[in-house]
Amino acid sequence: MALDVGMALKNPGQVYPFRETVALPEIEVLSDPIRFEKIEVEGEFFCTGDNRISLRGQATADAVSRCSRCLEPVQVSLSAGIDALYSKQPDPDDPDLYSFEGHAVQLEDAARDALLLELPLQFFCKPDCKGLCPVCGTNLNHGTCTCQEGNVVTGPFSALKNIVLNNEEV
């Protein structure tokens, strides 16, 4: 979404409020798909006098991904502060400086960057999610399986478990 900053460029120092809806494509973060929905950006902007626009505000959105344990869909509400500086002359030495052309700044990059910083390290459908059976893949939140009856687990780390249980030296 482009924010018209023409009046601010003509009146440096004058503060202008704004409220915009932004759309972002689905992205992948640490091999997990993340989709932002209902993204709202609200705040104020002004021209600093050197063809730069300073924008401060708040971005809110719902982040949709999958549970880290059972892979079920999960939705988390996020709120992130935005403090962005836009310039007509991009500076390769300043990665935090967003560029713009004409009389419009794009809010998508600043909103995405702020929301990404607020993502949880892991998404969980519920705090006590039981996850998936490591053998057959059954979602243990919906039922049980017979794979682990008798404590015979044949997973990739079962050999390490035997070393610990039998007090073997490595």
C-alpha atoms as a PDB file:
ATOM      1  CA  MET A   1       0.000   0.000   0.000  1.00  0.00           C
ATOM      2  CA  ALA A   2       1.382   3.378  -0.989  1.00  0.00           C
ATOM      3  CA  LEU A   3       1.077   6.251   1.456  1.00  0.00           C
ATOM      4  CA  ASP A   4       0.867   9.698  -0.184  1.00  0.00           C
ATOM      5  CA  VAL A   5       3.475  11.946   1.456  1.00  0.00           C
ATOM      6  CA  GLY A   6       3.270  14.852  -1.015  1.00  0.00           C
ATOM      7  CA  MET A   7       1.897  17.321   1.554  1.00  0.00           C
ATOM      8  CA  ALA A   8       4.613  16.387   4.057  1.00  0.00           C
ATOM      9  CA  LEU A   9       7.329  17.008   1.448  1.00  0.00           C
ATOM     10  CA  LYS A  10       5.896  20.499   0.874  1.00  0.00           C
ATOM     11  CA  ASN A  11       5.555  21.246   4.621  1.00  0.00           C
ATOM     12  CA  PRO A  12       8.633  19.899   6.462  1.00  0.00           C
ATOM     13  CA  GLY A  13       8.044  19.349  10.159  1.00  0.00           C
ATOM     14  CA  GLN A  14       4.243  19.147   9.848  1.00  0.00           C
ATOM     15  CA  VAL A  15       2.958  15.865  11.332  1.00  0.00           C
ATOM     16  CA  TYR A  16       0.312  13.871   9.417  1.00  0.00           C
ATOM     17  CA  PRO A  17      -1.631  10.949  10.903  1.00  0.00           C
ATOM     18  CA  PHE A  18      -2.448   7.890   8.808  1.00  0.00           C
ATOM     19  CA  ARG A  19      -4.179   4.523   8.982  1.00  0.00           C
ATOM     20  CA  GLU A  20      -3.751   2.009   6.161  1.00  0.00           C
ATOM     21  CA  THR A  21      -4.453  -1.639   5.406  1.00  0.00           C
ATOM     22  CA  VAL A  22      -1.490  -3.579   4.006  1.00  0.00           C
ATOM     23  CA  ALA A  23      -1.285  -6.928   2.191  1.00  0.00           C
ATOM     24  CA  LEU A  24       1.802  -9.144   2.344  1.00  0.00           C
ATOM     25  CA  PRO A  25       2.545 -12.386   0.482  1.00  0.00           C
ATOM     26  CA  GLU A  26       3.109 -15.613   2.390  1.00  0.00           C
ATOM     27  CA  ILE A  27       6.743 -16.009   3.430  1.00  0.00           C
ATOM     28  CA  GLU A  28       8.874 -18.818   4.809  1.00  0.00           C
ATOM     29  CA  VAL A  29      10.641 -18.355   8.142  1.00  0.00           C
ATOM     30  CA  LEU A  30      12.967 -21.141   9.287  1.00  0.00           C
ATOM     31  CA  SER A  31      11.227 -23.579   6.881  1.00  0.00           C
ATOM     32  CA  ASP A  32       7.761 -22.754   8.249  1.00  0.00           C
ATOM     33  CA  PRO A  33       5.177 -20.913   6.132  1.00  0.00           C
ATOM     34  CA  ILE A  34       3.935 -17.661   7.684  1.00  0.00           C
ATOM     35  CA  ARG A  35       0.909 -15.779   6.405  1.00  0.00           C
ATOM     36  CA  PHE A  36      -0.032 -12.371   7.784  1.00  0.00           C
ATOM     37  CA  GLU A  37      -3.734 -11.515   7.752  1.00  0.00           C
ATOM     38  CA  LYS A  38      -5.716  -8.379   8.660  1.00  0.00           C
ATOM     39  CA  ILE A  39      -2.636  -6.126   8.627  1.00  0.00           C
ATOM     40  CA  GLU A  40      -3.288  -2.572   9.820  1.00  0.00           C
ATOM     41  CA  VAL A  41      -0.641   0.137  10.057  1.00  0.00           C
ATOM     42  CA  GLU A  42      -1.455   3.268  12.023  1.00  0.00           C
ATOM     43  CA  GLY A  43       0.663   6.199  13.097  1.00  0.00           C
ATOM     44  CA  GLU A  44       2.092   9.489  11.898  1.00  0.00           C
ATOM     45  CA  PHE A  45       4.707  10.754   9.467  1.00  0.00           C
ATOM     46  CA  PHE A  46       6.539  13.975   8.700  1.00  0.00           C
ATOM     47  CA  CYS A  47       9.244  15.287   6.370  1.00  0.00           C
ATOM     48  CA  THR A  48      12.564  15.884   8.079  1.00  0.00           C
ATOM     49  CA  GLY A  49      13.460  18.631   5.585  1.00  0.00           C
ATOM     50  CA  ASP A  50      16.022  16.772   3.484  1.00  0.00           C
ATOM     51  CA  ASN A  51      13.560  14.781   1.324  1.00  0.00           C
ATOM     52  CA  ARG A  52      13.356  12.142   4.034  1.00  0.00           C
ATOM     53  CA  ILE A  53      10.148  10.914   5.603  1.00  0.00           C
ATOM     54  CA  SER A  54      10.112   9.774   9.212  1.00  0.00           C
ATOM     55  CA  LEU A  55       7.284   7.351   9.983  1.00  0.00           C
ATOM     56  CA  ARG A  56       6.316   6.110  13.443  1.00  0.00           C
ATOM     57  CA  GLY A  57       3.417   3.889  14.278  1.00  0.00           C
ATOM     58  CA  GLN A  58       2.037   0.483  15.111  1.00  0.00           C
ATOM     59  CA  ALA A  59       1.404  -2.535  12.900  1.00  0.00           C
ATOM     60  CA  THR A  60      -1.143  -5.155  13.961  1.00  0.00           C
ATOM     61  CA  ALA A  61      -1.811  -8.461  12.244  1.00  0.00           C
ATOM     62  CA  ASP A  62      -2.728 -12.087  12.703  1.00  0.00           C
ATOM     63  CA  ALA A  63       0.134 -14.482  11.902  1.00  0.00           C
ATOM     64  CA  VAL A  64      -0.979 -17.887  10.643  1.00  0.00           C
ATOM     65  CA  SER A  65       1.447 -20.809  10.657  1.00  0.00           C
ATOM     66  CA  ARG A  66       1.530 -24.389  11.914  1.00  0.00           C
ATOM     67  CA  CYS A  67       2.062 -25.876  15.353  1.00  0.00           C
ATOM     68  CA  SER A  68       5.682 -26.892  15.926  1.00  0.00           C
ATOM     69  CA  ARG A  69       4.595 -30.158  17.535  1.00  0.00           C
ATOM     70  CA  CYS A  70       1.479 -31.395  15.688  1.00  0.00           C
ATOM     71  CA  LEU A  71       1.498 -29.293  12.470  1.00  0.00           C
ATOM     72  CA  GLU A  72      -2.086 -28.089  12.983  1.00  0.00           C
ATOM     73  CA  PRO A  73      -2.860 -24.508  11.834  1.00  0.00           C
ATOM     74  CA  VAL A  74      -2.192 -21.823  14.465  1.00  0.00           C
ATOM     75  CA  GLN A  75      -3.141 -18.145  14.519  1.00  0.00           C
ATOM     76  CA  VAL A  76      -1.372 -15.588  16.735  1.00  0.00           C
ATOM     77  CA  SER A  77      -2.238 -11.894  17.087  1.00  0.00           C
ATOM     78  CA  LEU A  78       0.764  -9.580  16.799  1.00  0.00           C
ATOM     79  CA  SER A  79       1.410  -5.916  17.491  1.00  0.00           C
ATOM     80  CA  ALA A  80       4.687  -4.293  16.480  1.00  0.00           C
ATOM     81  CA  GLY A  81       6.086  -0.801  16.696  1.00  0.00           C
ATOM     82  CA  ILE A  82       7.356   0.790  13.494  1.00  0.00           C
ATOM     83  CA  ASP A  83      10.032   3.466  13.389  1.00  0.00           C
ATOM     84  CA  ALA A  84      11.069   3.854   9.746  1.00  0.00           C
ATOM     85  CA  LEU A  85      13.003   6.418   7.767  1.00  0.00           C
ATOM     86  CA  TYR A  86      12.413   6.776   4.001  1.00  0.00           C
ATOM     87  CA  SER A  87      14.724   8.601   1.596  1.00  0.00           C
ATOM     88  CA  LYS A  88      14.692   9.412  -2.110  1.00  0.00           C
ATOM     89  CA  GLN A  89      18.441   8.705  -2.248  1.00  0.00           C
ATOM     90  CA  PRO A  90      19.085   5.107  -1.128  1.00  0.00           C
ATOM     91  CA  ASP A  91      22.176   4.609   1.002  1.00  0.00           C
ATOM     92  CA  PRO A  92      23.839   1.185   0.530  1.00  0.00           C
ATOM     93  CA  ASP A  93      25.633   1.642   3.864  1.00  0.00           C
ATOM     94  CA  ASP A  94      22.358   2.060   5.798  1.00  0.00           C
ATOM     95  CA  PRO A  95      20.195  -1.098   5.531  1.00  0.00           C
ATOM     96  CA  ASP A  96      17.532   0.423   7.813  1.00  0.00           C
ATOM     97  CA  LEU A  97      16.794   3.230   5.341  1.00  0.00           C
ATOM     98  CA  TYR A  98      13.844   2.536   3.032  1.00  0.00           C
ATOM     99  CA  SER A  99      13.775   4.219  -0.366  1.00  0.00           C
ATOM    100  CA  PHE A 100      10.842   5.876  -2.111  1.00  0.00           C
ATOM    101  CA  GLU A 101      10.095   7.644  -5.375  1.00  0.00           C
ATOM    102  CA  GLY A 102       7.783  10.506  -6.163  1.00  0.00           C
ATOM    103  CA  HIS A 103       5.244  11.305  -3.464  1.00  0.00           C
ATOM    104  CA  ALA A 104       4.456   7.804  -2.178  1.00  0.00           C
ATOM    105  CA  VAL A 105       6.122   5.511   0.338  1.00  0.00           C
ATOM    106  CA  GLN A 106       5.438   1.782   0.417  1.00  0.00           C
ATOM    107  CA  LEU A 107       4.431   0.488   3.858  1.00  0.00           C
ATOM    108  CA  GLU A 108       4.825  -3.222   3.111  1.00  0.00           C
ATOM    109  CA  ASP A 109       8.559  -3.573   3.832  1.00  0.00           C
ATOM    110  CA  ALA A 110       8.473  -1.654   7.123  1.00  0.00           C
ATOM    111  CA  ALA A 111       5.348  -3.528   8.290  1.00  0.00           C
ATOM    112  CA  ARG A 112       6.814  -6.930   7.336  1.00  0.00           C
ATOM    113  CA  ASP A 113      10.135  -6.210   9.082  1.00  0.00           C
ATOM    114  CA  ALA A 114       8.409  -5.064  12.283  1.00  0.00           C
ATOM    115  CA  LEU A 115       5.980  -8.018  12.367  1.00  0.00           C
ATOM    116  CA  LEU A 116       8.738 -10.567  11.722  1.00  0.00           C
ATOM    117  CA  LEU A 117      10.553  -9.356  14.836  1.00  0.00           C
ATOM    118  CA  GLU A 118       7.438 -10.053  16.927  1.00  0.00           C
ATOM    119  CA  LEU A 119       6.930 -13.659  15.779  1.00  0.00           C
ATOM    120  CA  PRO A 120       7.188 -16.297  18.507  1.00  0.00           C
ATOM    121  CA  LEU A 121      10.154 -18.661  18.280  1.00  0.00           C
ATOM    122  CA  GLN A 122       7.733 -21.571  17.973  1.00  0.00           C
ATOM    123  CA  PHE A 123       3.999 -21.739  17.307  1.00  0.00           C
ATOM    124  CA  PHE A 124       1.923 -24.038  19.520  1.00  0.00           C
ATOM    125  CA  CYS A 125      -1.755 -24.885  19.070  1.00  0.00           C
ATOM    126  CA  LYS A 126      -1.980 -25.139  22.871  1.00  0.00           C
ATOM    127  CA  PRO A 127       0.648 -25.098  25.630  1.00  0.00           C
ATOM    128  CA  ASP A 128       0.295 -28.816  26.371  1.00  0.00           C
ATOM    129  CA  CYS A 129       0.262 -30.026  22.758  1.00  0.00           C
ATOM    130  CA  LYS A 130       1.251 -33.707  22.653  1.00  0.00           C
ATOM    131  CA  GLY A 131       2.565 -33.570  19.089  1.00  0.00           C
ATOM    132  CA  LEU A 132       2.849 -36.456  16.650  1.00  0.00           C
ATOM    133  CA  CYS A 133       3.841 -40.059  17.273  1.00  0.00           C
ATOM    134  CA  PRO A 134       7.455 -40.378  16.098  1.00  0.00           C
ATOM    135  CA  VAL A 135       6.724 -43.816  14.631  1.00  0.00           C
ATOM    136  CA  CYS A 136       3.351 -43.655  12.865  1.00  0.00           C
ATOM    137  CA  GLY A 137       2.673 -39.905  12.789  1.00  0.00           C
ATOM    138  CA  THR A 138      -0.661 -40.010  14.624  1.00  0.00           C
ATOM    139  CA  ASN A 139      -1.684 -36.682  16.134  1.00  0.00           C
ATOM    140  CA  LEU A 140      -1.613 -37.557  19.843  1.00  0.00           C
ATOM    141  CA  ASN A 141      -3.996 -34.684  20.657  1.00  0.00           C
ATOM    142  CA  HIS A 142      -6.792 -36.514  18.819  1.00  0.00           C
ATOM    143  CA  GLY A 143      -6.120 -40.048  19.999  1.00  0.00           C
ATOM    144  CA  THR A 144      -3.522 -42.614  20.966  1.00  0.00           C
ATOM    145  CA  CYS A 145      -1.594 -45.146  18.972  1.00  0.00           C
ATOM    146  CA  THR A 146      -0.153 -48.546  19.825  1.00  0.00           C
ATOM    147  CA  CYS A 147       3.355 -47.836  18.519  1.00  0.00           C
ATOM    148  CA  GLN A 148       4.856 -47.123  21.925  1.00  0.00           C
ATOM    149  CA  GLU A 149       3.103 -49.766  24.023  1.00  0.00           C
ATOM    150  CA  GLY A 150       5.567 -51.738  26.123  1.00  0.00           C
ATOM    151  CA  ASN A 151       8.056 -48.848  25.934  1.00  0.00           C
ATOM    152  CA  VAL A 152       9.631 -50.298  22.796  1.00  0.00           C
ATOM    153  CA  VAL A 153      10.505 -47.213  20.838  1.00  0.00           C
ATOM    154  CA  THR A 154      12.370 -47.579  17.590  1.00  0.00           C
ATOM    155  CA  GLY A 155      13.264 -44.045  16.688  1.00  0.00           C
ATOM    156  CA  PRO A 156      16.473 -42.461  15.460  1.00  0.00           C
ATOM    157  CA  PHE A 157      17.674 -41.833  19.040  1.00  0.00           C
ATOM    158  CA  SER A 158      16.696 -45.187  20.587  1.00  0.00           C
ATOM    159  CA  ALA A 159      20.348 -46.307  20.553  1.00  0.00           C
ATOM    160  CA  LEU A 160      21.293 -43.282  22.674  1.00  0.00           C
ATOM    161  CA  LYS A 161      18.484 -44.109  25.113  1.00  0.00           C
ATOM    162  CA  ASN A 162      19.917 -47.613  25.579  1.00  0.00           C
ATOM    163  CA  ILE A 163      23.345 -46.168  26.369  1.00  0.00           C
ATOM    164  CA  VAL A 164      21.900 -43.933  29.084  1.00  0.00           C
ATOM    165  CA  LEU A 165      19.644 -46.622  30.571  1.00  0.00           C
ATOM    166  CA  ASN A 166      22.440 -49.236  30.684  1.00  0.00           C
ATOM    167  CA  ASN A 167      25.073 -46.796  32.009  1.00  0.00           C
ATOM    168  CA  GLU A 168      27.345 -47.624  29.098  1.00  0.00           C
ATOM    169  CA  GLU A 169      30.445 -45.563  28.439  1.00  0.00           C
ATOM    170  CA  VAL A 170      30.832 -43.759  25.199  1.00  0.00           C
END
